[in-house]
Amino acid sequence: MAFNIGPHREQMANINMTPLIDVMLVLLIIFMVAAPMLTTGVDVNLPGSTTGKNLTTEALTVTLERDGRIQFDDQFVKEAALRAQLRERAAESRRRPVLVRADQNIPYGRVIKVVDAIREAGFTQVGFVTQALPAPPPEKP
């Protein structure tokens, strides 16, 4: 926009920031609403734990569903393919932790087979993902 200012009638150009700020705020709100919808995963009924910790490192995740399917790297794989993919990842870095998310109704032997596959690939840090349960109230003496 140009304005005539003062007796010399010079023009001054300014940018109106209000429309730009409005557009940026609308985009911010859209991304804030859409971001939680972008995280997808398998719905697993995890067992609870009151002593579990939040792991903030980037770990590989192996998920065992109730129907027996295995998910690794956001895709469902057979056990043989899981072993091959784990060996490939172990060649990159064996120090990376691997987290196992298993439905609480999965037979224990099935979970151990997957853990054995992870360890055979060369990973030494294997953890289990649990649901956080509220801590029990302290006992009074």
N, C-alpha and C. Protein backbone atom coordinates (compact mmCIF):
# COMPACT_ATOMS: atom_id res chain seq x y z
N MET A 1 0.85 -1.17 0.00
CA MET A 1 0.00 0.00 0.00
C MET A 1 0.89 1.23 0.00
N ALA A 2 0.44 2.24 -0.64
CA ALA A 2 1.21 3.49 -0.69
C ALA A 2 0.40 4.58 -0.02
N PHE A 3 1.08 5.41 0.75
CA PHE A 3 0.43 6.51 1.46
C PHE A 3 1.17 7.80 1.13
N ASN A 4 0.41 8.84 1.08
CA ASN A 4 1.00 10.16 0.95
C ASN A 4 1.22 10.70 2.35
N ILE A 5 2.47 11.01 2.68
CA ILE A 5 2.78 11.46 4.02
C ILE A 5 3.44 12.84 3.93
N GLY A 6 2.96 13.72 4.76
CA GLY A 6 3.59 15.03 4.91
C GLY A 6 3.39 15.94 3.71
N PRO A 7 4.01 17.10 3.78
CA PRO A 7 3.83 18.10 2.73
C PRO A 7 4.55 17.74 1.44
N HIS A 8 5.53 16.84 1.50
CA HIS A 8 6.29 16.51 0.29
C HIS A 8 5.61 15.45 -0.54
N ARG A 9 4.59 14.86 -0.02
CA ARG A 9 3.79 13.84 -0.70
C ARG A 9 4.64 12.67 -1.23
N GLU A 10 5.53 12.15 -0.36
CA GLU A 10 6.30 10.98 -0.72
C GLU A 10 5.48 9.73 -0.43
N GLN A 11 5.72 8.70 -1.17
CA GLN A 11 4.99 7.46 -0.94
C GLN A 11 5.82 6.51 -0.09
N MET A 12 5.13 5.79 0.82
CA MET A 12 5.78 4.82 1.68
C MET A 12 5.04 3.48 1.52
N ALA A 13 5.79 2.42 1.28
CA ALA A 13 5.18 1.11 1.08
C ALA A 13 5.34 0.28 2.36
N ASN A 14 4.24 -0.30 2.87
CA ASN A 14 4.24 -1.16 4.04
C ASN A 14 3.49 -2.44 3.70
N ILE A 15 3.87 -3.52 4.34
CA ILE A 15 3.16 -4.79 4.18
C ILE A 15 2.20 -4.92 5.35
N ASN A 16 0.96 -5.27 5.04
CA ASN A 16 -0.02 -5.49 6.09
C ASN A 16 0.17 -6.91 6.62
N MET A 17 0.59 -7.04 7.88
CA MET A 17 0.93 -8.33 8.48
C MET A 17 -0.28 -9.11 8.97
N THR A 18 -1.42 -8.48 9.14
CA THR A 18 -2.58 -9.13 9.72
C THR A 18 -3.04 -10.35 8.91
N PRO A 19 -3.20 -10.26 7.59
CA PRO A 19 -3.62 -11.47 6.85
C PRO A 19 -2.59 -12.60 6.94
N LEU A 20 -1.31 -12.26 6.94
CA LEU A 20 -0.27 -13.28 7.04
C LEU A 20 -0.35 -14.00 8.38
N ILE A 21 -0.54 -13.26 9.45
CA ILE A 21 -0.64 -13.87 10.79
C ILE A 21 -1.89 -14.72 10.88
N ASP A 22 -3.00 -14.28 10.30
CA ASP A 22 -4.24 -15.08 10.31
C ASP A 22 -4.03 -16.41 9.60
N VAL A 23 -3.39 -16.39 8.45
CA VAL A 23 -3.15 -17.61 7.69
C VAL A 23 -2.24 -18.55 8.49
N MET A 24 -1.20 -18.02 9.10
CA MET A 24 -0.28 -18.85 9.87
C MET A 24 -0.98 -19.47 11.08
N LEU A 25 -1.84 -18.75 11.75
CA LEU A 25 -2.57 -19.31 12.89
C LEU A 25 -3.52 -20.41 12.46
N VAL A 26 -4.18 -20.24 11.33
CA VAL A 26 -5.08 -21.27 10.82
C VAL A 26 -4.28 -22.53 10.47
N LEU A 27 -3.13 -22.37 9.82
CA LEU A 27 -2.29 -23.52 9.50
C LEU A 27 -1.80 -24.22 10.76
N LEU A 28 -1.43 -23.44 11.77
CA LEU A 28 -0.98 -24.03 13.03
C LEU A 28 -2.08 -24.87 13.66
N ILE A 29 -3.29 -24.37 13.67
CA ILE A 29 -4.42 -25.12 14.25
C ILE A 29 -4.68 -26.38 13.45
N ILE A 30 -4.61 -26.30 12.13
CA ILE A 30 -4.83 -27.48 11.29
C ILE A 30 -3.80 -28.56 11.61
N PHE A 31 -2.52 -28.18 11.71
CA PHE A 31 -1.48 -29.16 12.00
C PHE A 31 -1.61 -29.72 13.42
N MET A 32 -2.03 -28.89 14.35
CA MET A 32 -2.20 -29.38 15.73
C MET A 32 -3.33 -30.40 15.81
N VAL A 33 -4.36 -30.22 15.02
CA VAL A 33 -5.48 -31.16 15.03
C VAL A 33 -5.13 -32.42 14.25
N ALA A 34 -4.40 -32.27 13.14
CA ALA A 34 -4.11 -33.41 12.27
C ALA A 34 -2.96 -34.27 12.78
N ALA A 35 -2.02 -33.73 13.55
CA ALA A 35 -0.84 -34.49 13.98
C ALA A 35 -1.18 -35.75 14.77
N PRO A 36 -2.08 -35.71 15.75
CA PRO A 36 -2.38 -36.96 16.46
C PRO A 36 -3.02 -38.03 15.58
N MET A 37 -3.66 -37.63 14.51
CA MET A 37 -4.29 -38.60 13.62
C MET A 37 -3.28 -39.29 12.72
N LEU A 38 -2.08 -38.73 12.58
CA LEU A 38 -1.08 -39.32 11.72
C LEU A 38 -0.37 -40.50 12.35
N THR A 39 -0.41 -40.62 13.66
CA THR A 39 0.24 -41.74 14.32
C THR A 39 -0.69 -42.94 14.26
N THR A 40 -0.23 -43.97 13.58
CA THR A 40 -1.04 -45.18 13.47
C THR A 40 -0.27 -46.33 14.09
N GLY A 41 -0.97 -47.28 14.53
CA GLY A 41 -0.33 -48.45 15.10
C GLY A 41 -1.35 -49.55 15.27
N VAL A 42 -0.87 -50.66 15.73
CA VAL A 42 -1.72 -51.80 15.96
C VAL A 42 -2.31 -51.68 17.35
N ASP A 43 -3.58 -51.96 17.48
CA ASP A 43 -4.23 -51.90 18.78
C ASP A 43 -3.94 -53.19 19.54
N VAL A 44 -3.11 -53.06 20.56
CA VAL A 44 -2.69 -54.21 21.35
C VAL A 44 -3.10 -53.98 22.79
N ASN A 45 -3.66 -54.99 23.43
CA ASN A 45 -4.04 -54.92 24.83
C ASN A 45 -2.82 -55.26 25.67
N LEU A 46 -2.05 -54.23 26.06
CA LEU A 46 -0.80 -54.44 26.78
C LEU A 46 -1.05 -54.78 28.24
N PRO A 47 -0.19 -55.61 28.81
CA PRO A 47 -0.29 -55.86 30.25
C PRO A 47 0.15 -54.62 31.01
N GLY A 48 -0.29 -54.48 32.25
CA GLY A 48 0.01 -53.29 33.04
C GLY A 48 1.23 -53.48 33.91
N SER A 49 1.87 -52.35 34.27
CA SER A 49 3.02 -52.36 35.16
C SER A 49 3.07 -51.03 35.90
N THR A 50 3.35 -51.10 37.19
CA THR A 50 3.48 -49.86 37.97
C THR A 50 4.92 -49.40 38.05
N THR A 51 5.86 -50.22 37.60
CA THR A 51 7.28 -49.86 37.71
C THR A 51 7.92 -49.58 36.37
N GLY A 52 7.16 -49.56 35.30
CA GLY A 52 7.72 -49.35 33.97
C GLY A 52 8.27 -47.95 33.79
N LYS A 53 9.17 -47.79 32.82
CA LYS A 53 9.78 -46.50 32.52
C LYS A 53 9.46 -46.11 31.09
N ASN A 54 9.43 -44.82 30.83
CA ASN A 54 9.28 -44.33 29.47
C ASN A 54 10.64 -44.32 28.81
N LEU A 55 10.75 -44.96 27.65
CA LEU A 55 12.01 -44.96 26.92
C LEU A 55 11.94 -43.87 25.86
N THR A 56 12.89 -42.96 25.90
CA THR A 56 12.88 -41.85 24.95
C THR A 56 13.83 -42.09 23.80
N THR A 57 14.58 -43.18 23.82
CA THR A 57 15.50 -43.46 22.74
C THR A 57 14.75 -44.00 21.54
N GLU A 58 15.40 -43.97 20.42
CA GLU A 58 14.79 -44.54 19.23
C GLU A 58 15.05 -46.03 19.23
N ALA A 59 14.04 -46.79 19.47
CA ALA A 59 14.17 -48.23 19.54
C ALA A 59 13.38 -48.88 18.41
N LEU A 60 13.81 -50.05 18.02
CA LEU A 60 13.03 -50.85 17.09
C LEU A 60 11.87 -51.46 17.86
N THR A 61 10.73 -51.60 17.23
CA THR A 61 9.56 -52.16 17.91
C THR A 61 9.02 -53.36 17.15
N VAL A 62 8.84 -54.45 17.86
CA VAL A 62 8.21 -55.65 17.31
C VAL A 62 6.90 -55.83 18.06
N THR A 63 5.79 -55.92 17.32
CA THR A 63 4.47 -56.02 17.93
C THR A 63 3.86 -57.38 17.61
N LEU A 64 3.38 -58.05 18.65
CA LEU A 64 2.66 -59.32 18.48
C LEU A 64 1.19 -59.07 18.76
N GLU A 65 0.37 -59.29 17.75
CA GLU A 65 -1.07 -59.08 17.92
C GLU A 65 -1.72 -60.32 18.53
N ARG A 66 -2.93 -60.14 18.99
CA ARG A 66 -3.68 -61.23 19.62
C ARG A 66 -3.88 -62.40 18.65
N ASP A 67 -4.07 -62.09 17.36
CA ASP A 67 -4.30 -63.16 16.38
C ASP A 67 -3.00 -63.81 15.90
N GLY A 68 -1.85 -63.40 16.47
CA GLY A 68 -0.58 -64.05 16.15
C GLY A 68 0.25 -63.34 15.10
N ARG A 69 -0.29 -62.32 14.47
CA ARG A 69 0.49 -61.60 13.46
C ARG A 69 1.61 -60.81 14.12
N ILE A 70 2.70 -60.61 13.36
CA ILE A 70 3.86 -59.86 13.85
C ILE A 70 4.01 -58.61 13.00
N GLN A 71 4.19 -57.47 13.66
CA GLN A 71 4.41 -56.21 12.95
C GLN A 71 5.82 -55.71 13.27
N PHE A 72 6.56 -55.36 12.20
CA PHE A 72 7.90 -54.81 12.34
C PHE A 72 8.07 -53.76 11.25
N ASP A 73 8.57 -52.60 11.62
CA ASP A 73 8.73 -51.49 10.66
C ASP A 73 7.42 -51.12 9.98
N ASP A 74 6.35 -51.04 10.74
CA ASP A 74 5.03 -50.64 10.25
C ASP A 74 4.48 -51.56 9.17
N GLN A 75 4.95 -52.79 9.12
CA GLN A 75 4.37 -53.75 8.18
C GLN A 75 4.31 -55.12 8.84
N PHE A 76 3.34 -55.90 8.44
CA PHE A 76 3.18 -57.24 8.99
C PHE A 76 4.11 -58.19 8.25
N VAL A 77 4.81 -59.01 9.03
CA VAL A 77 5.79 -59.94 8.45
C VAL A 77 5.61 -61.32 9.08
N LYS A 78 6.09 -62.33 8.37
CA LYS A 78 6.14 -63.69 8.91
C LYS A 78 7.38 -63.80 9.78
N GLU A 79 7.47 -64.86 10.57
CA GLU A 79 8.59 -65.00 11.50
C GLU A 79 9.93 -65.10 10.77
N ALA A 80 9.97 -65.79 9.63
CA ALA A 80 11.22 -65.92 8.87
C ALA A 80 11.67 -64.57 8.33
N ALA A 81 10.71 -63.78 7.83
CA ALA A 81 11.04 -62.45 7.32
C ALA A 81 11.49 -61.53 8.46
N LEU A 82 10.89 -61.71 9.64
CA LEU A 82 11.30 -60.93 10.80
C LEU A 82 12.75 -61.21 11.14
N ARG A 83 13.13 -62.48 11.14
CA ARG A 83 14.51 -62.84 11.43
C ARG A 83 15.48 -62.19 10.44
N ALA A 84 15.13 -62.21 9.17
CA ALA A 84 16.00 -61.62 8.14
C ALA A 84 16.11 -60.10 8.32
N GLN A 85 14.99 -59.45 8.58
CA GLN A 85 15.02 -57.99 8.76
C GLN A 85 15.78 -57.61 10.02
N LEU A 86 15.65 -58.40 11.07
CA LEU A 86 16.40 -58.12 12.30
C LEU A 86 17.90 -58.26 12.07
N ARG A 87 18.31 -59.27 11.29
CA ARG A 87 19.74 -59.43 10.99
C ARG A 87 20.27 -58.22 10.21
N GLU A 88 19.45 -57.71 9.26
CA GLU A 88 19.86 -56.52 8.50
C GLU A 88 20.04 -55.33 9.42
N ARG A 89 19.10 -55.13 10.33
CA ARG A 89 19.18 -54.00 11.26
C ARG A 89 20.33 -54.16 12.24
N ALA A 90 20.60 -55.39 12.65
CA ALA A 90 21.70 -55.63 13.58
C ALA A 90 23.04 -55.32 12.93
N ALA A 91 23.13 -55.51 11.61
CA ALA A 91 24.37 -55.18 10.91
C ALA A 91 24.62 -53.68 10.97
N GLU A 92 23.56 -52.88 11.01
CA GLU A 92 23.70 -51.42 11.10
C GLU A 92 24.13 -51.01 12.50
N SER A 93 23.43 -51.51 13.52
CA SER A 93 23.74 -51.15 14.90
C SER A 93 23.15 -52.17 15.86
N ARG A 94 24.02 -52.88 16.56
CA ARG A 94 23.56 -53.87 17.53
C ARG A 94 23.23 -53.23 18.87
N ARG A 95 23.64 -52.00 19.07
CA ARG A 95 23.40 -51.33 20.36
C ARG A 95 22.00 -50.74 20.46
N ARG A 96 21.29 -50.70 19.39
CA ARG A 96 19.95 -50.14 19.40
C ARG A 96 19.01 -51.06 20.17
N PRO A 97 18.22 -50.52 21.09
CA PRO A 97 17.30 -51.39 21.84
C PRO A 97 16.12 -51.84 20.98
N VAL A 98 15.59 -53.00 21.31
CA VAL A 98 14.41 -53.54 20.62
C VAL A 98 13.32 -53.69 21.67
N LEU A 99 12.16 -53.12 21.39
CA LEU A 99 11.02 -53.21 22.30
C LEU A 99 10.00 -54.19 21.75
N VAL A 100 9.49 -55.04 22.61
CA VAL A 100 8.49 -56.03 22.23
C VAL A 100 7.16 -55.59 22.82
N ARG A 101 6.18 -55.40 21.94
CA ARG A 101 4.81 -55.08 22.36
C ARG A 101 3.98 -56.33 22.10
N ALA A 102 3.58 -57.01 23.13
CA ALA A 102 2.81 -58.24 22.96
C ALA A 102 1.49 -58.13 23.71
N ASP A 103 0.43 -58.55 23.05
CA ASP A 103 -0.88 -58.58 23.69
C ASP A 103 -0.79 -59.50 24.90
N GLN A 104 -1.46 -59.15 25.98
CA GLN A 104 -1.36 -59.94 27.21
C GLN A 104 -1.96 -61.33 27.06
N ASN A 105 -2.74 -61.57 26.02
CA ASN A 105 -3.35 -62.88 25.81
C ASN A 105 -2.53 -63.78 24.89
N ILE A 106 -1.38 -63.31 24.43
CA ILE A 106 -0.50 -64.11 23.59
C ILE A 106 0.16 -65.19 24.47
N PRO A 107 0.26 -66.42 24.00
CA PRO A 107 0.95 -67.44 24.79
C PRO A 107 2.42 -67.07 25.03
N TYR A 108 2.88 -67.35 26.20
CA TYR A 108 4.23 -66.99 26.62
C TYR A 108 5.29 -67.58 25.68
N GLY A 109 5.07 -68.80 25.22
CA GLY A 109 6.02 -69.45 24.32
C GLY A 109 6.18 -68.69 23.01
N ARG A 110 5.11 -68.11 22.52
CA ARG A 110 5.15 -67.33 21.27
C ARG A 110 6.00 -66.08 21.45
N VAL A 111 5.86 -65.42 22.60
CA VAL A 111 6.65 -64.22 22.89
C VAL A 111 8.13 -64.59 22.99
N ILE A 112 8.44 -65.70 23.63
CA ILE A 112 9.82 -66.13 23.79
C ILE A 112 10.45 -66.45 22.44
N LYS A 113 9.69 -67.03 21.49
CA LYS A 113 10.21 -67.29 20.15
C LYS A 113 10.66 -66.00 19.49
N VAL A 114 9.86 -64.95 19.63
CA VAL A 114 10.20 -63.66 19.02
C VAL A 114 11.42 -63.06 19.72
N VAL A 115 11.47 -63.16 21.04
CA VAL A 115 12.63 -62.64 21.78
C VAL A 115 13.90 -63.39 21.37
N ASP A 116 13.80 -64.71 21.18
CA ASP A 116 14.94 -65.49 20.73
C ASP A 116 15.40 -65.03 19.34
N ALA A 117 14.45 -64.73 18.46
CA ALA A 117 14.80 -64.25 17.12
C ALA A 117 15.55 -62.92 17.22
N ILE A 118 15.13 -62.06 18.13
CA ILE A 118 15.79 -60.76 18.31
C ILE A 118 17.21 -60.96 18.82
N ARG A 119 17.36 -61.85 19.79
CA ARG A 119 18.70 -62.10 20.36
C ARG A 119 19.61 -62.82 19.38
N GLU A 120 19.07 -63.75 18.59
CA GLU A 120 19.87 -64.45 17.59
C GLU A 120 20.38 -63.49 16.52
N ALA A 121 19.62 -62.42 16.26
CA ALA A 121 20.07 -61.43 15.28
C ALA A 121 21.24 -60.62 15.81
N GLY A 122 21.45 -60.63 17.13
CA GLY A 122 22.60 -59.94 17.71
C GLY A 122 22.26 -58.79 18.62
N PHE A 123 21.00 -58.51 18.82
CA PHE A 123 20.61 -57.42 19.72
C PHE A 123 20.73 -57.90 21.17
N THR A 124 21.26 -57.06 22.03
CA THR A 124 21.42 -57.43 23.44
C THR A 124 20.45 -56.70 24.35
N GLN A 125 19.90 -55.58 23.89
CA GLN A 125 18.96 -54.81 24.71
C GLN A 125 17.54 -55.08 24.22
N VAL A 126 16.82 -55.91 24.94
CA VAL A 126 15.44 -56.25 24.61
C VAL A 126 14.57 -55.83 25.78
N GLY A 127 13.52 -55.07 25.50
CA GLY A 127 12.61 -54.62 26.54
C GLY A 127 11.18 -54.93 26.16
N PHE A 128 10.30 -54.84 27.15
CA PHE A 128 8.89 -55.11 26.93
C PHE A 128 8.08 -53.86 27.22
N VAL A 129 7.14 -53.55 26.35
CA VAL A 129 6.28 -52.38 26.51
C VAL A 129 5.06 -52.80 27.31
N THR A 130 4.74 -52.00 28.33
CA THR A 130 3.57 -52.27 29.16
C THR A 130 2.73 -51.01 29.27
N GLN A 131 1.53 -51.18 29.76
CA GLN A 131 0.65 -50.05 30.04
C GLN A 131 0.95 -49.54 31.44
N ALA A 132 0.91 -48.23 31.61
CA ALA A 132 1.15 -47.67 32.94
C ALA A 132 -0.10 -47.82 33.79
N LEU A 133 0.06 -48.40 34.96
CA LEU A 133 -1.04 -48.53 35.92
C LEU A 133 -0.80 -47.53 37.05
N PRO A 134 -1.86 -47.05 37.67
CA PRO A 134 -1.65 -46.15 38.79
C PRO A 134 -0.96 -46.88 39.95
N ALA A 135 -0.09 -46.17 40.61
CA ALA A 135 0.64 -46.76 41.75
C ALA A 135 -0.34 -47.00 42.90
N PRO A 136 -0.17 -48.11 43.62
CA PRO A 136 -1.06 -48.36 44.75
C PRO A 136 -0.80 -47.33 45.86
N PRO A 137 -1.82 -47.01 46.63
CA PRO A 137 -1.62 -46.04 47.72
C PRO A 137 -0.68 -46.61 48.77
N PRO A 138 0.13 -45.75 49.38
CA PRO A 138 1.07 -46.25 50.41
C PRO A 138 0.32 -46.79 51.61
N GLU A 139 0.89 -47.84 52.18
CA GLU A 139 0.27 -48.46 53.35
C GLU A 139 0.60 -47.65 54.60
N LYS A 140 -0.37 -47.51 55.47
CA LYS A 140 -0.16 -46.79 56.73
C LYS A 140 0.27 -47.79 57.80
N PRO A 141 1.27 -47.41 58.62
CA PRO A 141 1.73 -48.34 59.67
C PRO A 141 0.77 -48.48 60.81
